[in-house]
Amino acid sequence: GWNDFLQQHPALCIVLPKQSPLVTVLTESPD
């Protein structure tokens, strides 16, 4: 359900720590 936050609070740019688990998820995301 991680994407729910982005649906409610849209961002066009995301800056993450290199070791963040979200980096892997976003790298694999088509969006």
PDB file of all heavy atoms in Angstrom:
ATOM      1  N   GLY A   1       0.805  -1.218   0.000  1.00  0.00           N
ATOM      2  CA  GLY A   1       0.000   0.000   0.000  1.00  0.00           C
ATOM      3  C   GLY A   1       0.838   1.267   0.000  1.00  0.00           C
ATOM      4  O   GLY A   1       0.311   2.357   0.178  1.00  0.00           O
ATOM      5  N   TRP A   2       2.141   1.133  -0.239  1.00  0.00           N
ATOM      6  CA  TRP A   2       3.055   2.288  -0.198  1.00  0.00           C
ATOM      7  C   TRP A   2       2.611   3.408  -1.122  1.00  0.00           C
ATOM      8  O   TRP A   2       2.793   4.572  -0.823  1.00  0.00           O
ATOM      9  CB  TRP A   2       4.490   1.857  -0.528  1.00  0.00           C
ATOM     10  CG  TRP A   2       4.664   1.329  -1.922  1.00  0.00           C
ATOM     11  CD1 TRP A   2       4.553   0.029  -2.318  1.00  0.00           C
ATOM     12  CD2 TRP A   2       4.961   2.078  -3.103  1.00  0.00           C
ATOM     13  NE1 TRP A   2       4.760  -0.088  -3.673  1.00  0.00           N
ATOM     14  CE2 TRP A   2       5.015   1.158  -4.183  1.00  0.00           C
ATOM     15  CE3 TRP A   2       5.181   3.422  -3.358  1.00  0.00           C
ATOM     16  CZ2 TRP A   2       5.281   1.550  -5.487  1.00  0.00           C
ATOM     17  CZ3 TRP A   2       5.448   3.814  -4.662  1.00  0.00           C
ATOM     18  CH2 TRP A   2       5.496   2.889  -5.706  1.00  0.00           C
ATOM     19  N   ASN A   3       2.028   3.067  -2.247  1.00  0.00           N
ATOM     20  CA  ASN A   3       1.655   4.074  -3.247  1.00  0.00           C
ATOM     21  C   ASN A   3       0.448   4.924  -2.821  1.00  0.00           C
ATOM     22  O   ASN A   3       0.201   5.979  -3.404  1.00  0.00           O
ATOM     23  CB  ASN A   3       1.399   3.400  -4.588  1.00  0.00           C
ATOM     24  CG  ASN A   3       1.541   4.355  -5.734  1.00  0.00           C
ATOM     25  OD1 ASN A   3       2.359   5.265  -5.713  1.00  0.00           O
ATOM     26  ND2 ASN A   3       0.725   4.160  -6.754  1.00  0.00           N
ATOM     27  N   ASP A   4      -0.288   4.476  -1.789  1.00  0.00           N
ATOM     28  CA  ASP A   4      -1.443   5.247  -1.322  1.00  0.00           C
ATOM     29  C   ASP A   4      -1.042   6.661  -0.913  1.00  0.00           C
ATOM     30  O   ASP A   4      -1.774   7.618  -1.176  1.00  0.00           O
ATOM     31  CB  ASP A   4      -2.120   4.547  -0.140  1.00  0.00           C
ATOM     32  CG  ASP A   4      -2.752   3.215  -0.526  1.00  0.00           C
ATOM     33  OD1 ASP A   4      -2.902   2.951  -1.728  1.00  0.00           O
ATOM     34  OD2 ASP A   4      -3.073   2.436   0.399  1.00  0.00           O
ATOM     35  N   PHE A   5       0.102   6.792  -0.274  1.00  0.00           N
ATOM     36  CA  PHE A   5       0.565   8.115   0.148  1.00  0.00           C
ATOM     37  C   PHE A   5       0.723   9.032  -1.061  1.00  0.00           C
ATOM     38  O   PHE A   5       0.312  10.191  -1.038  1.00  0.00           O
ATOM     39  CB  PHE A   5       1.896   8.008   0.914  1.00  0.00           C
ATOM     40  CG  PHE A   5       2.358   9.334   1.449  1.00  0.00           C
ATOM     41  CD1 PHE A   5       1.962   9.765   2.698  1.00  0.00           C
ATOM     42  CD2 PHE A   5       3.190  10.161   0.704  1.00  0.00           C
ATOM     43  CE1 PHE A   5       2.375  11.007   3.199  1.00  0.00           C
ATOM     44  CE2 PHE A   5       3.617  11.390   1.193  1.00  0.00           C
ATOM     45  CZ  PHE A   5       3.194  11.808   2.440  1.00  0.00           C
ATOM     46  N   LEU A   6       1.301   8.505  -2.130  1.00  0.00           N
ATOM     47  CA  LEU A   6       1.525   9.325  -3.331  1.00  0.00           C
ATOM     48  C   LEU A   6       0.217   9.671  -4.034  1.00  0.00           C
ATOM     49  O   LEU A   6       0.137  10.696  -4.706  1.00  0.00           O
ATOM     50  CB  LEU A   6       2.469   8.608  -4.283  1.00  0.00           C
ATOM     51  CG  LEU A   6       3.899   8.463  -3.769  1.00  0.00           C
ATOM     52  CD1 LEU A   6       4.712   7.576  -4.709  1.00  0.00           C
ATOM     53  CD2 LEU A   6       4.545   9.817  -3.609  1.00  0.00           C
ATOM     54  N   GLN A   7      -0.779   8.832  -3.878  1.00  0.00           N
ATOM     55  CA  GLN A   7      -2.089   9.148  -4.454  1.00  0.00           C
ATOM     56  C   GLN A   7      -2.715  10.335  -3.718  1.00  0.00           C
ATOM     57  O   GLN A   7      -3.365  11.175  -4.330  1.00  0.00           O
ATOM     58  CB  GLN A   7      -3.018   7.931  -4.361  1.00  0.00           C
ATOM     59  CG  GLN A   7      -2.543   6.728  -5.132  1.00  0.00           C
ATOM     60  CD  GLN A   7      -2.470   6.976  -6.626  1.00  0.00           C
ATOM     61  OE1 GLN A   7      -3.315   7.665  -7.191  1.00  0.00           O
ATOM     62  NE2 GLN A   7      -1.457   6.426  -7.266  1.00  0.00           N
ATOM     63  N   GLN A   8      -2.514  10.396  -2.414  1.00  0.00           N
ATOM     64  CA  GLN A   8      -3.104  11.458  -1.607  1.00  0.00           C
ATOM     65  C   GLN A   8      -2.244  12.717  -1.547  1.00  0.00           C
ATOM     66  O   GLN A   8      -2.757  13.813  -1.320  1.00  0.00           O
ATOM     67  CB  GLN A   8      -3.351  10.950  -0.185  1.00  0.00           C
ATOM     68  CG  GLN A   8      -4.351   9.829  -0.133  1.00  0.00           C
ATOM     69  CD  GLN A   8      -4.438   9.206   1.258  1.00  0.00           C
ATOM     70  OE1 GLN A   8      -3.726   9.593   2.183  1.00  0.00           O
ATOM     71  NE2 GLN A   8      -5.321   8.236   1.402  1.00  0.00           N
ATOM     72  N   HIS A   9      -0.923  12.546  -1.720  1.00  0.00           N
ATOM     73  CA  HIS A   9       0.027  13.655  -1.615  1.00  0.00           C
ATOM     74  C   HIS A   9       0.990  13.575  -2.792  1.00  0.00           C
ATOM     75  O   HIS A   9       2.141  13.165  -2.636  1.00  0.00           O
ATOM     76  CB  HIS A   9       0.788  13.600  -0.284  1.00  0.00           C
ATOM     77  CG  HIS A   9      -0.112  13.419   0.891  1.00  0.00           C
ATOM     78  ND1 HIS A   9      -0.844  14.456   1.425  1.00  0.00           N
ATOM     79  CD2 HIS A   9      -0.437  12.325   1.616  1.00  0.00           C
ATOM     80  CE1 HIS A   9      -1.563  14.004   2.428  1.00  0.00           C
ATOM     81  NE2 HIS A   9      -1.333  12.711   2.564  1.00  0.00           N
ATOM     82  N   PRO A  10       0.538  13.963  -3.974  1.00  0.00           N
ATOM     83  CA  PRO A  10       1.340  13.766  -5.191  1.00  0.00           C
ATOM     84  C   PRO A  10       2.694  14.474  -5.133  1.00  0.00           C
ATOM     85  O   PRO A  10       2.813  15.584  -4.630  1.00  0.00           O
ATOM     86  CB  PRO A  10       0.470  14.359  -6.288  1.00  0.00           C
ATOM     87  CG  PRO A  10      -0.909  14.411  -5.731  1.00  0.00           C
ATOM     88  CD  PRO A  10      -0.751  14.582  -4.249  1.00  0.00           C
ATOM     89  N   ALA A  11       3.670  13.779  -5.668  1.00  0.00           N
ATOM     90  CA  ALA A  11       5.012  14.327  -5.831  1.00  0.00           C
ATOM     91  C   ALA A  11       5.455  14.046  -7.257  1.00  0.00           C
ATOM     92  O   ALA A  11       5.085  13.016  -7.834  1.00  0.00           O
ATOM     93  CB  ALA A  11       5.979  13.681  -4.840  1.00  0.00           C
ATOM     94  N   LEU A  12       6.216  14.951  -7.837  1.00  0.00           N
ATOM     95  CA  LEU A  12       6.770  14.731  -9.171  1.00  0.00           C
ATOM     96  C   LEU A  12       8.234  14.344  -9.095  1.00  0.00           C
ATOM     97  O   LEU A  12       8.804  13.871 -10.071  1.00  0.00           O
ATOM     98  CB  LEU A  12       6.613  15.986 -10.024  1.00  0.00           C
ATOM     99  CG  LEU A  12       5.175  16.429 -10.272  1.00  0.00           C
ATOM    100  CD1 LEU A  12       5.163  17.688 -11.130  1.00  0.00           C
ATOM    101  CD2 LEU A  12       4.366  15.328 -10.918  1.00  0.00           C
ATOM    102  N   CYS A  13       8.838  14.564  -7.927  1.00  0.00           N
ATOM    103  CA  CYS A  13      10.245  14.252  -7.702  1.00  0.00           C
ATOM    104  C   CYS A  13      10.374  13.641  -6.313  1.00  0.00           C
ATOM    105  O   CYS A  13       9.744  14.120  -5.365  1.00  0.00           O
ATOM    106  CB  CYS A  13      11.071  15.536  -7.819  1.00  0.00           C
ATOM    107  SG  CYS A  13      12.815  15.352  -7.434  1.00  0.00           S
ATOM    108  N   ILE A  14      11.166  12.574  -6.211  1.00  0.00           N
ATOM    109  CA  ILE A  14      11.408  11.928  -4.917  1.00  0.00           C
ATOM    110  C   ILE A  14      12.910  11.817  -4.715  1.00  0.00           C
ATOM    111  O   ILE A  14      13.629  11.345  -5.598  1.00  0.00           O
ATOM    112  CB  ILE A  14      10.743  10.544  -4.836  1.00  0.00           C
ATOM    113  CG1 ILE A  14       9.227  10.657  -5.031  1.00  0.00           C
ATOM    114  CG2 ILE A  14      11.067   9.865  -3.508  1.00  0.00           C
ATOM    115  CD1 ILE A  14       8.480   9.331  -5.029  1.00  0.00           C
ATOM    116  N   VAL A  15      13.376  12.254  -3.547  1.00  0.00           N
ATOM    117  CA  VAL A  15      14.792  12.184  -3.180  1.00  0.00           C
ATOM    118  C   VAL A  15      14.898  11.235  -1.992  1.00  0.00           C
ATOM    119  O   VAL A  15      14.290  11.484  -0.951  1.00  0.00           O
ATOM    120  CB  VAL A  15      15.348  13.570  -2.798  1.00  0.00           C
ATOM    121  CG1 VAL A  15      16.830  13.482  -2.474  1.00  0.00           C
ATOM    122  CG2 VAL A  15      15.082  14.590  -3.897  1.00  0.00           C
ATOM    123  N   LEU A  16      15.666  10.153  -2.164  1.00  0.00           N
ATOM    124  CA  LEU A  16      15.759   9.121  -1.128  1.00  0.00           C
ATOM    125  C   LEU A  16      17.195   8.791  -0.780  1.00  0.00           C
ATOM    126  O   LEU A  16      18.074   8.868  -1.649  1.00  0.00           O
ATOM    127  CB  LEU A  16      15.087   7.839  -1.620  1.00  0.00           C
ATOM    128  CG  LEU A  16      13.588   7.902  -1.873  1.00  0.00           C
ATOM    129  CD1 LEU A  16      13.121   6.659  -2.606  1.00  0.00           C
ATOM    130  CD2 LEU A  16      12.848   8.069  -0.561  1.00  0.00           C
ATOM    131  N   PRO A  17      17.418   8.354   0.453  1.00  0.00           N
ATOM    132  CA  PRO A  17      18.736   7.832   0.786  1.00  0.00           C
ATOM    133  C   PRO A  17      19.041   6.621  -0.096  1.00  0.00           C
ATOM    134  O   PRO A  17      18.148   5.819  -0.397  1.00  0.00           O
ATOM    135  CB  PRO A  17      18.606   7.412   2.252  1.00  0.00           C
ATOM    136  CG  PRO A  17      17.445   8.184   2.775  1.00  0.00           C
ATOM    137  CD  PRO A  17      16.521   8.356   1.608  1.00  0.00           C
ATOM    138  N   LYS A  18      20.267   6.507  -0.512  1.00  0.00           N
ATOM    139  CA  LYS A  18      20.670   5.449  -1.436  1.00  0.00           C
ATOM    140  C   LYS A  18      20.267   4.056  -0.941  1.00  0.00           C
ATOM    141  O   LYS A  18      19.913   3.193  -1.740  1.00  0.00           O
ATOM    142  CB  LYS A  18      22.167   5.515  -1.670  1.00  0.00           C
ATOM    143  CG  LYS A  18      22.636   4.636  -2.780  1.00  0.00           C
ATOM    144  CD  LYS A  18      23.984   5.065  -3.279  1.00  0.00           C
ATOM    145  CE  LYS A  18      24.349   4.253  -4.489  1.00  0.00           C
ATOM    146  NZ  LYS A  18      24.171   4.958  -5.728  1.00  0.00           N
ATOM    147  N   GLN A  19      20.295   3.824   0.361  1.00  0.00           N
ATOM    148  CA  GLN A  19      19.994   2.505   0.925  1.00  0.00           C
ATOM    149  C   GLN A  19      18.514   2.316   1.278  1.00  0.00           C
ATOM    150  O   GLN A  19      18.151   1.294   1.851  1.00  0.00           O
ATOM    151  CB  GLN A  19      20.863   2.259   2.161  1.00  0.00           C
ATOM    152  CG  GLN A  19      22.346   2.374   1.904  1.00  0.00           C
ATOM    153  CD  GLN A  19      22.834   1.456   0.793  1.00  0.00           C
ATOM    154  OE1 GLN A  19      22.391   0.319   0.656  1.00  0.00           O
ATOM    155  NE2 GLN A  19      23.733   1.963  -0.036  1.00  0.00           N
ATOM    156  N   SER A  20      17.663   3.252   0.937  1.00  0.00           N
ATOM    157  CA  SER A  20      16.248   3.151   1.276  1.00  0.00           C
ATOM    158  C   SER A  20      15.587   1.986   0.532  1.00  0.00           C
ATOM    159  O   SER A  20      15.820   1.789  -0.660  1.00  0.00           O
ATOM    160  CB  SER A  20      15.545   4.456   0.889  1.00  0.00           C
ATOM    161  OG  SER A  20      14.149   4.312   0.969  1.00  0.00           O
ATOM    162  N   PRO A  21      14.726   1.212   1.227  1.00  0.00           N
ATOM    163  CA  PRO A  21      14.012   0.138   0.533  1.00  0.00           C
ATOM    164  C   PRO A  21      13.121   0.665  -0.589  1.00  0.00           C
ATOM    165  O   PRO A  21      12.866  -0.030  -1.567  1.00  0.00           O
ATOM    166  CB  PRO A  21      13.183  -0.530   1.633  1.00  0.00           C
ATOM    167  CG  PRO A  21      13.324   0.293   2.852  1.00  0.00           C
ATOM    168  CD  PRO A  21      14.414   1.280   2.640  1.00  0.00           C
ATOM    169  N   LEU A  22      12.692   1.908  -0.474  1.00  0.00           N
ATOM    170  CA  LEU A  22      11.840   2.489  -1.512  1.00  0.00           C
ATOM    171  C   LEU A  22      12.601   2.710  -2.822  1.00  0.00           C
ATOM    172  O   LEU A  22      12.003   2.717  -3.891  1.00  0.00           O
ATOM    173  CB  LEU A  22      11.216   3.787  -1.009  1.00  0.00           C
ATOM    174  CG  LEU A  22      10.113   4.399  -1.846  1.00  0.00           C
ATOM    175  CD1 LEU A  22       8.969   3.415  -2.106  1.00  0.00           C
ATOM    176  CD2 LEU A  22       9.585   5.665  -1.177  1.00  0.00           C
ATOM    177  N   VAL A  23      13.917   2.832  -2.766  1.00  0.00           N
ATOM    178  CA  VAL A  23      14.714   2.982  -3.991  1.00  0.00           C
ATOM    179  C   VAL A  23      14.509   1.777  -4.900  1.00  0.00           C
ATOM    180  O   VAL A  23      14.276   1.920  -6.099  1.00  0.00           O
ATOM    181  CB  VAL A  23      16.218   3.183  -3.664  1.00  0.00           C
ATOM    182  CG1 VAL A  23      17.077   3.026  -4.913  1.00  0.00           C
ATOM    183  CG2 VAL A  23      16.440   4.549  -3.042  1.00  0.00           C
ATOM    184  N   THR A  24      14.557   0.582  -4.338  1.00  0.00           N
ATOM    185  CA  THR A  24      14.365  -0.634  -5.131  1.00  0.00           C
ATOM    186  C   THR A  24      12.970  -0.677  -5.738  1.00  0.00           C
ATOM    187  O   THR A  24      12.797  -0.986  -6.918  1.00  0.00           O
ATOM    188  CB  THR A  24      14.601  -1.886  -4.255  1.00  0.00           C
ATOM    189  OG1 THR A  24      15.916  -1.813  -3.712  1.00  0.00           O
ATOM    190  CG2 THR A  24      14.438  -3.158  -5.052  1.00  0.00           C
ATOM    191  N   VAL A  25      11.966  -0.346  -4.941  1.00  0.00           N
ATOM    192  CA  VAL A  25      10.578  -0.365  -5.416  1.00  0.00           C
ATOM    193  C   VAL A  25      10.375   0.638  -6.544  1.00  0.00           C
ATOM    194  O   VAL A  25       9.778   0.314  -7.583  1.00  0.00           O
ATOM    195  CB  VAL A  25       9.610  -0.096  -4.239  1.00  0.00           C
ATOM    196  CG1 VAL A  25       8.189   0.089  -4.732  1.00  0.00           C
ATOM    197  CG2 VAL A  25       9.684  -1.228  -3.220  1.00  0.00           C
ATOM    198  N   LEU A  26      10.877   1.860  -6.380  1.00  0.00           N
ATOM    199  CA  LEU A  26      10.693   2.876  -7.422  1.00  0.00           C
ATOM    200  C   LEU A  26      11.490   2.541  -8.678  1.00  0.00           C
ATOM    201  O   LEU A  26      11.033   2.835  -9.796  1.00  0.00           O
ATOM    202  CB  LEU A  26      11.083   4.260  -6.900  1.00  0.00           C
ATOM    203  CG  LEU A  26      10.198   4.850  -5.808  1.00  0.00           C
ATOM    204  CD1 LEU A  26      10.684   6.241  -5.431  1.00  0.00           C
ATOM    205  CD2 LEU A  26       8.738   4.887  -6.212  1.00  0.00           C
ATOM    206  N   THR A  27      12.653   1.946  -8.520  1.00  0.00           N
ATOM    207  CA  THR A  27      13.452   1.557  -9.687  1.00  0.00           C
ATOM    208  C   THR A  27      12.699   0.549 -10.546  1.00  0.00           C
ATOM    209  O   THR A  27      12.796   0.569 -11.771  1.00  0.00           O
ATOM    210  CB  THR A  27      14.814   0.980  -9.231  1.00  0.00           C
ATOM    211  OG1 THR A  27      15.518   1.991  -8.498  1.00  0.00           O
ATOM    212  CG2 THR A  27      15.663   0.542 -10.406  1.00  0.00           C
ATOM    213  N   GLU A  28      11.926  -0.319  -9.908  1.00  0.00           N
ATOM    214  CA  GLU A  28      11.158  -1.338 -10.624  1.00  0.00           C
ATOM    215  C   GLU A  28       9.783  -0.841 -11.081  1.00  0.00           C
ATOM    216  O   GLU A  28       9.108  -1.508 -11.850  1.00  0.00           O
ATOM    217  CB  GLU A  28      11.003  -2.566  -9.739  1.00  0.00           C
ATOM    218  CG  GLU A  28      12.335  -3.234  -9.425  1.00  0.00           C
ATOM    219  CD  GLU A  28      12.228  -4.340  -8.401  1.00  0.00           C
ATOM    220  OE1 GLU A  28      11.106  -4.613  -7.914  1.00  0.00           O
ATOM    221  OE2 GLU A  28      13.271  -4.937  -8.092  1.00  0.00           O
ATOM    222  N   SER A  29       9.378   0.327 -10.626  1.00  0.00           N
ATOM    223  CA  SER A  29       8.064   0.861 -10.964  1.00  0.00           C
ATOM    224  C   SER A  29       8.065   1.478 -12.356  1.00  0.00           C
ATOM    225  O   SER A  29       8.989   2.210 -12.718  1.00  0.00           O
ATOM    226  CB  SER A  29       7.659   1.938  -9.946  1.00  0.00           C
ATOM    227  OG  SER A  29       6.496   2.615 -10.379  1.00  0.00           O
ATOM    228  N   PRO A  30       7.016   1.226 -13.133  1.00  0.00           N
ATOM    229  CA  PRO A  30       6.924   1.869 -14.451  1.00  0.00           C
ATOM    230  C   PRO A  30       6.619   3.368 -14.364  1.00  0.00           C
ATOM    231  O   PRO A  30       6.764   4.088 -15.343  1.00  0.00           O
ATOM    232  CB  PRO A  30       5.774   1.123 -15.133  1.00  0.00           C
ATOM    233  CG  PRO A  30       4.940   0.605 -14.006  1.00  0.00           C
ATOM    234  CD  PRO A  30       5.893   0.322 -12.873  1.00  0.00           C
ATOM    235  N   ASP A  31       6.222   3.841 -13.181  1.00  0.00           N
ATOM    236  CA  ASP A  31       5.833   5.245 -13.012  1.00  0.00           C
ATOM    237  C   ASP A  31       6.992   6.176 -12.666  1.00  0.00           C
ATOM    238  O   ASP A  31       6.849   7.393 -12.748  1.00  0.00           O
ATOM    239  CB  ASP A  31       4.776   5.375 -11.915  1.00  0.00           C
ATOM    240  CG  ASP A  31       3.497   4.647 -12.263  1.00  0.00           C
ATOM    241  OD1 ASP A  31       3.210   4.469 -13.463  1.00  0.00           O
ATOM    242  OD2 ASP A  31       2.785   4.236 -11.331  1.00  0.00           O
TER     243      ASP A  31
END
